Amino acid sequence: QVQLVESGGGLVQPGGSLRLSCAASGSMFSIYAMGWYRQAPGKQRELVATISSGHSTNYADSVKGRFTISRDNLKNTVYLQMNSLKPEDMAVYYCNTHPSISTMWGQGTQVTVSS
């Protein structure tokens, strides 16, 4: 089973950029469709972006045109490039398979957007 570790979060000003990484263990990573999810305080976790094993991508309307998901199967890593960040993007960001597997949620990485 794949295990996931997110990194790359931090504090950024509105309009800034961050690149999140999700490192996966396990030899079966490349066959999984993967997703980035986020959870803001007091809100339910939501799906932000997905990428298939064939690198097809989809995005939530709220991030379309600003976020880019990608994957490097040789490095067993999924990325989320986030540009033009807004205060409403502030959340803990998680990666998981898509659909998600409940036992694979990691600690996430905090993204704070504030001036």
Protein backbone atom coordinates (compact mmCIF):
# COMPACT_ATOMS: atom_id res chain seq x y z
CA GLN A 1 0.00 0.00 0.00
CA VAL A 2 1.16 3.52 -0.83
CA GLN A 3 2.11 5.87 2.00
CA LEU A 4 2.08 9.62 1.41
CA VAL A 5 4.02 12.56 2.88
CA GLU A 6 3.11 16.14 1.97
CA SER A 7 5.49 19.11 2.12
CA GLY A 8 6.02 22.60 0.78
CA GLY A 9 3.43 24.57 2.66
CA GLY A 10 4.11 27.86 4.38
CA LEU A 11 3.17 31.49 4.74
CA VAL A 12 2.71 33.50 1.57
CA GLN A 13 1.25 36.88 0.75
CA PRO A 14 -1.86 37.18 -1.42
CA GLY A 15 -0.83 36.87 -5.03
CA GLY A 16 2.15 34.72 -4.16
CA SER A 17 3.05 31.18 -5.15
CA LEU A 18 3.86 27.88 -3.48
CA ARG A 19 4.71 24.45 -4.77
CA LEU A 20 3.50 21.50 -2.76
CA SER A 21 5.01 18.03 -3.03
CA CYS A 22 3.60 14.65 -2.10
CA ALA A 23 6.13 11.85 -1.84
CA ALA A 24 4.75 8.35 -2.11
CA SER A 25 6.28 5.09 -1.03
CA GLY A 26 5.44 1.81 -2.68
CA SER A 27 6.01 0.37 -6.10
CA MET A 28 2.43 0.74 -7.34
CA PHE A 29 2.32 4.56 -7.27
CA SER A 30 2.18 5.01 -11.03
CA ILE A 31 -1.09 3.14 -11.45
CA TYR A 32 -3.03 5.34 -9.05
CA ALA A 33 -4.97 8.43 -9.99
CA MET A 34 -3.96 11.03 -7.42
CA GLY A 35 -5.59 14.08 -5.96
CA TRP A 36 -4.82 17.13 -3.88
CA TYR A 37 -7.41 17.98 -1.26
CA ARG A 38 -7.69 20.79 1.25
CA GLN A 39 -9.50 21.49 4.48
CA ALA A 40 -9.99 24.96 5.86
CA PRO A 41 -10.92 25.53 9.52
CA GLY A 42 -14.58 24.73 10.13
CA LYS A 43 -15.08 23.38 6.62
CA GLN A 44 -15.24 19.96 5.05
CA ARG A 45 -12.31 18.59 3.13
CA GLU A 46 -12.64 19.35 -0.56
CA LEU A 47 -11.05 18.05 -3.72
CA VAL A 48 -8.81 20.61 -5.40
CA ALA A 49 -7.19 18.82 -8.33
CA THR A 50 -6.73 15.34 -9.75
CA ILE A 51 -4.31 13.67 -12.11
CA SER A 52 -4.80 10.28 -13.68
CA SER A 53 -2.17 7.64 -14.26
CA GLY A 54 -2.12 8.96 -17.82
CA HIS A 55 -1.55 12.54 -16.62
CA SER A 56 -5.04 13.83 -17.43
CA THR A 57 -5.94 16.61 -15.01
CA ASN A 58 -9.05 18.18 -13.52
CA TYR A 59 -9.50 21.13 -11.21
CA ALA A 60 -12.07 22.59 -8.90
CA ASP A 61 -13.57 25.75 -10.36
CA SER A 62 -12.15 27.78 -7.47
CA VAL A 63 -8.55 27.02 -8.48
CA LYS A 64 -8.82 26.58 -12.23
CA GLY A 65 -6.26 28.68 -14.06
CA ARG A 66 -4.22 29.26 -10.89
CA PHE A 67 -3.19 25.76 -9.74
CA THR A 68 -1.39 23.06 -11.71
CA ILE A 69 -1.14 19.43 -10.66
CA SER A 70 1.61 17.23 -12.05
CA ARG A 71 3.31 13.97 -11.26
CA ASP A 72 6.72 12.38 -11.71
CA ASN A 73 6.31 8.62 -11.59
CA LEU A 74 10.06 8.05 -11.55
CA LYS A 75 10.25 10.05 -8.32
CA ASN A 76 6.95 8.75 -6.96
CA THR A 77 5.89 12.34 -6.39
CA VAL A 78 2.84 14.48 -7.09
CA TYR A 79 3.10 18.26 -7.16
CA LEU A 80 0.69 21.14 -6.83
CA GLN A 81 1.91 24.45 -8.20
CA MET A 82 -0.21 27.21 -6.70
CA ASN A 83 -0.07 30.69 -8.19
CA SER A 84 -2.04 33.88 -7.49
CA LEU A 85 -2.89 32.62 -4.04
CA LYS A 86 -5.87 34.12 -2.28
CA PRO A 87 -6.78 34.23 1.41
CA GLU A 88 -9.55 31.71 0.70
CA ASP A 89 -6.90 29.19 -0.41
CA MET A 90 -5.64 29.01 3.17
CA ALA A 91 -6.06 25.45 4.40
CA VAL A 92 -4.26 22.23 5.23
CA TYR A 93 -3.49 20.51 1.95
CA TYR A 94 -3.43 16.74 1.61
CA CYS A 95 -2.72 14.33 -1.17
CA ASN A 96 -4.40 10.97 -1.59
CA THR A 97 -5.51 8.69 -4.32
CA HIS A 98 -8.60 9.64 -6.26
CA PRO A 99 -11.01 8.42 -5.11
CA SER A 100 -9.41 8.76 -1.71
CA ILE A 101 -8.52 5.82 0.50
CA SER A 102 -9.36 6.52 4.12
CA THR A 103 -6.29 4.80 5.52
CA MET A 104 -3.91 6.85 3.38
CA TRP A 105 -4.50 10.34 4.73
CA GLY A 106 -1.24 11.88 5.88
CA GLN A 107 -0.54 14.87 8.11
CA GLY A 108 -0.98 17.39 5.33
CA THR A 109 0.88 20.64 4.86
CA GLN A 110 -0.40 24.02 6.04
CA VAL A 111 -0.81 26.83 3.55
CA THR A 112 -1.34 30.28 5.04
CA VAL A 113 -2.15 33.21 2.80
CA SER A 114 -1.90 36.49 4.62
CA SER A 115 -0.35 39.90 4.30
